[in-house]
Amino acid sequence: MRRWGSPAPGYAGLIAALALLGACDKAGDEPDTVEVPLAKPVAVASNGPAAQDAGATPMEERIARLGLLNKRNNVSEEIELKPGEARDIGPVTIRLSACERTAPWELPQEVGAFVQVDIRENAGAAPVRVFSGWLFRESPSLNVVEHPIYDVWVKDCTMAFPGEAAPPASPAPRPSPAPRPSPAPEPATR
């Protein structure tokens, strides 16, 4: 039977090991750190956003391609805007504040735009803001323009980063190959 205050059978070895570790720490007089004099500043590579955006296309020169769908008549339009621009399409006003895409060396590749959508329900009515926020091409369900008639989504953001030859363009449709004439049947031999 064990008494209160006495260690359990396996704990005696643990307590002894902890006591030895405590004694080992006090044995050496050497410092844990080594001082290194720096004669001149050393450039350090940074992975922060400021280092990656340095040299990227300035915000005012970027171009966002957005899609607008009228769900009543199934008509969609493609809209190109620069940050700070707004466009009226019927009763819908779309305003672009910013557009971004990840650098080519980052994964996953994503494209986003900060968009504000205002809609005039009636001809004489003041516009009502139905959406203000970031829309992402790769995650369209993350932020959604919740309106029964209109939908807005991001298609692309044209911008370049240092080291890129040219801003990535949307892939051009490949021309369909010309139909080949069917080969002439070979004569049967007997």
Protein backbone atom coordinates (compact mmCIF):
# COMPACT_ATOMS: atom_id res chain seq x y z
CA MET A 1 0.00 0.00 0.00
CA ARG A 2 1.26 3.44 -0.95
CA ARG A 3 1.32 6.30 1.49
CA TRP A 4 0.36 9.87 0.64
CA GLY A 5 3.40 11.94 -0.25
CA SER A 6 5.57 9.03 -1.36
CA PRO A 7 6.42 8.96 -5.07
CA ALA A 8 4.98 6.26 -7.28
CA PRO A 9 7.44 3.50 -8.25
CA GLY A 10 8.28 4.94 -11.73
CA TYR A 11 8.64 8.53 -10.59
CA ALA A 12 11.83 8.06 -8.55
CA GLY A 13 13.92 7.56 -11.72
CA LEU A 14 12.28 10.56 -13.39
CA ILE A 15 13.06 12.82 -10.43
CA ALA A 16 16.69 11.67 -10.42
CA ALA A 17 17.03 12.34 -14.16
CA LEU A 18 15.61 15.85 -13.78
CA ALA A 19 18.06 16.57 -10.94
CA LEU A 20 20.98 15.47 -13.15
CA LEU A 21 19.80 17.66 -16.03
CA GLY A 22 19.62 20.64 -13.70
CA ALA A 23 23.18 19.98 -12.55
CA CYS A 24 24.44 19.70 -16.16
CA ASP A 25 23.16 23.16 -16.98
CA LYS A 26 25.30 24.70 -14.22
CA ALA A 27 28.47 22.77 -15.09
CA GLY A 28 29.72 24.85 -18.04
CA ASP A 29 30.84 28.48 -17.82
CA GLU A 30 30.67 29.03 -21.59
CA PRO A 31 28.05 31.49 -22.84
CA ASP A 32 25.14 30.22 -24.92
CA THR A 33 25.60 32.96 -27.55
CA VAL A 34 28.60 34.04 -29.55
CA GLU A 35 29.08 37.69 -30.41
CA VAL A 36 29.90 38.36 -34.08
CA PRO A 37 31.04 41.86 -35.04
CA LEU A 38 29.42 43.24 -38.18
CA ALA A 39 31.67 45.60 -40.08
CA LYS A 40 29.14 46.45 -42.79
CA PRO A 41 25.45 45.76 -43.31
CA VAL A 42 24.60 42.46 -44.93
CA ALA A 43 21.76 42.22 -47.44
CA VAL A 44 19.19 39.68 -46.36
CA ALA A 45 16.64 38.21 -48.76
CA SER A 46 13.13 38.87 -47.62
CA ASN A 47 9.99 36.99 -48.49
CA GLY A 48 7.69 39.70 -47.21
CA PRO A 49 5.05 41.40 -49.37
CA ALA A 50 7.06 44.63 -49.64
CA ALA A 51 10.02 42.77 -51.14
CA GLN A 52 7.85 40.87 -53.61
CA ASP A 53 5.82 43.89 -54.71
CA ALA A 54 8.96 45.95 -55.32
CA GLY A 55 9.08 46.39 -59.07
CA ALA A 56 5.62 44.95 -59.69
CA THR A 57 3.21 46.86 -61.91
CA PRO A 58 1.95 49.94 -60.03
CA MET A 59 -1.69 49.70 -58.95
CA GLU A 60 -2.87 52.45 -61.31
CA GLU A 61 -1.47 50.55 -64.34
CA ARG A 62 -3.12 47.20 -63.58
CA ILE A 63 -6.20 46.09 -65.49
CA ALA A 64 -8.90 43.84 -64.08
CA ARG A 65 -11.27 41.83 -66.25
CA LEU A 66 -14.60 41.22 -64.55
CA GLY A 67 -17.69 39.35 -65.63
CA LEU A 68 -21.25 40.62 -65.14
CA LEU A 69 -24.24 38.30 -65.56
CA ASN A 70 -27.87 39.33 -65.81
CA LYS A 71 -29.69 36.20 -64.56
CA ARG A 72 -33.06 37.32 -65.98
CA ASN A 73 -32.02 37.22 -69.62
CA ASN A 74 -28.78 35.20 -69.32
CA VAL A 75 -26.69 37.98 -70.86
CA SER A 76 -23.11 38.29 -69.64
CA GLU A 77 -20.63 41.05 -70.31
CA GLU A 78 -16.88 41.33 -69.83
CA ILE A 79 -15.72 44.57 -68.26
CA GLU A 80 -12.14 45.90 -68.11
CA LEU A 81 -11.39 48.44 -65.38
CA LYS A 82 -8.31 50.06 -63.88
CA PRO A 83 -8.23 50.62 -60.10
CA GLY A 84 -10.18 53.76 -59.28
CA GLU A 85 -12.49 53.44 -62.30
CA ALA A 86 -16.24 52.77 -62.25
CA ARG A 87 -18.57 51.70 -65.04
CA ASP A 88 -22.35 51.84 -65.35
CA ILE A 89 -23.96 48.94 -67.19
CA GLY A 90 -27.70 49.51 -67.12
CA PRO A 91 -28.76 49.78 -63.47
CA VAL A 92 -25.46 48.28 -62.22
CA THR A 93 -22.42 50.36 -61.23
CA ILE A 94 -19.18 48.43 -60.76
CA ARG A 95 -16.26 50.19 -59.07
CA LEU A 96 -12.75 48.66 -58.89
CA SER A 97 -10.46 49.68 -56.05
CA ALA A 98 -7.61 47.17 -56.52
CA CYS A 99 -6.64 44.00 -58.30
CA GLU A 100 -3.89 41.53 -57.43
CA ARG A 101 -2.46 38.22 -58.49
CA THR A 102 0.16 36.14 -56.77
CA ALA A 103 3.72 36.28 -58.04
CA PRO A 104 4.76 33.50 -60.42
CA TRP A 105 7.04 31.98 -57.77
CA GLU A 106 4.24 31.66 -55.18
CA LEU A 107 1.80 28.80 -54.89
CA PRO A 108 -1.14 28.58 -55.12
CA GLN A 109 -1.67 31.00 -57.97
CA GLU A 110 -4.61 33.28 -57.21
CA VAL A 111 -6.26 36.34 -58.70
CA GLY A 112 -8.41 38.79 -56.76
CA ALA A 113 -10.04 42.19 -57.03
CA PHE A 114 -11.60 44.58 -54.53
CA VAL A 115 -14.94 45.48 -56.07
CA GLN A 116 -17.97 47.55 -55.08
CA VAL A 117 -21.31 46.89 -56.76
CA ASP A 118 -24.19 49.38 -56.61
CA ILE A 119 -27.61 48.67 -58.14
CA ARG A 120 -30.54 51.02 -58.86
CA GLU A 121 -33.71 48.95 -58.37
CA ASN A 122 -35.96 51.57 -60.02
CA ALA A 123 -35.19 54.19 -62.67
CA GLY A 124 -35.42 57.18 -60.30
CA ALA A 125 -34.14 55.44 -57.16
CA ALA A 126 -30.75 56.03 -55.59
CA PRO A 127 -28.24 53.20 -56.06
CA VAL A 128 -27.94 50.68 -53.24
CA ARG A 129 -24.59 49.06 -52.42
CA VAL A 130 -25.11 45.30 -52.64
CA PHE A 131 -21.45 44.27 -52.38
CA SER A 132 -18.12 45.68 -51.23
CA GLY A 133 -15.15 43.36 -50.82
CA TRP A 134 -12.60 41.05 -52.40
CA LEU A 135 -13.65 38.60 -55.10
CA PHE A 136 -11.30 35.71 -55.92
CA ARG A 137 -11.20 33.82 -59.21
CA GLU A 138 -10.03 30.54 -57.65
CA SER A 139 -12.51 30.72 -54.73
CA PRO A 140 -15.70 32.27 -56.09
CA SER A 141 -17.77 31.03 -53.15
CA LEU A 142 -15.55 32.75 -50.58
CA ASN A 143 -17.22 36.13 -51.19
CA VAL A 144 -20.37 36.26 -53.27
CA VAL A 145 -22.35 39.12 -54.77
CA GLU A 146 -25.71 38.18 -53.29
CA HIS A 147 -28.30 39.64 -55.61
CA PRO A 148 -31.28 37.88 -57.23
CA ILE A 149 -30.65 39.34 -60.70
CA TYR A 150 -26.96 40.24 -61.09
CA ASP A 151 -23.72 38.35 -60.50
CA VAL A 152 -20.17 39.73 -60.71
CA TRP A 153 -16.94 37.72 -60.73
CA VAL A 154 -13.20 38.18 -61.38
CA LYS A 155 -11.67 36.81 -64.56
CA ASP A 156 -8.12 38.21 -64.49
CA CYS A 157 -5.76 40.92 -63.25
CA THR A 158 -3.11 42.01 -65.73
CA MET A 159 0.12 42.97 -64.01
CA ALA A 160 3.80 42.02 -64.18
CA PHE A 161 6.48 41.14 -61.66
CA PRO A 162 10.27 41.61 -61.95
CA GLY A 163 11.81 38.85 -64.03
CA GLU A 164 8.68 38.19 -66.07
CA ALA A 165 8.97 38.72 -69.81
CA ALA A 166 5.46 40.14 -70.19
CA PRO A 167 2.25 40.17 -68.17
CA PRO A 168 0.46 36.86 -68.51
CA ALA A 169 -2.29 37.01 -71.04
CA SER A 170 -5.32 34.84 -71.23
CA PRO A 171 -4.61 31.80 -73.31
CA ALA A 172 -5.58 32.44 -76.92
CA PRO A 173 -7.99 29.91 -78.37
CA ARG A 174 -6.19 27.42 -80.54
CA PRO A 175 -7.35 27.25 -84.11
CA SER A 176 -9.02 23.99 -84.87
CA PRO A 177 -6.97 21.81 -87.17
CA ALA A 178 -8.03 21.70 -90.80
CA PRO A 179 -9.92 18.55 -91.63
CA ARG A 180 -7.73 15.98 -93.28
CA PRO A 181 -8.99 14.13 -96.32
CA SER A 182 -9.64 10.51 -95.61
CA PRO A 183 -7.03 8.21 -97.11
CA ALA A 184 -7.94 6.48 -100.36
CA PRO A 185 -8.80 2.84 -99.86
CA GLU A 186 -6.10 0.46 -100.94
CA PRO A 187 -6.99 -1.91 -103.76
CA ALA A 188 -7.72 -5.42 -102.66
CA THR A 189 -5.10 -7.98 -103.71
CA ARG A 190 -5.74 -11.63 -104.38
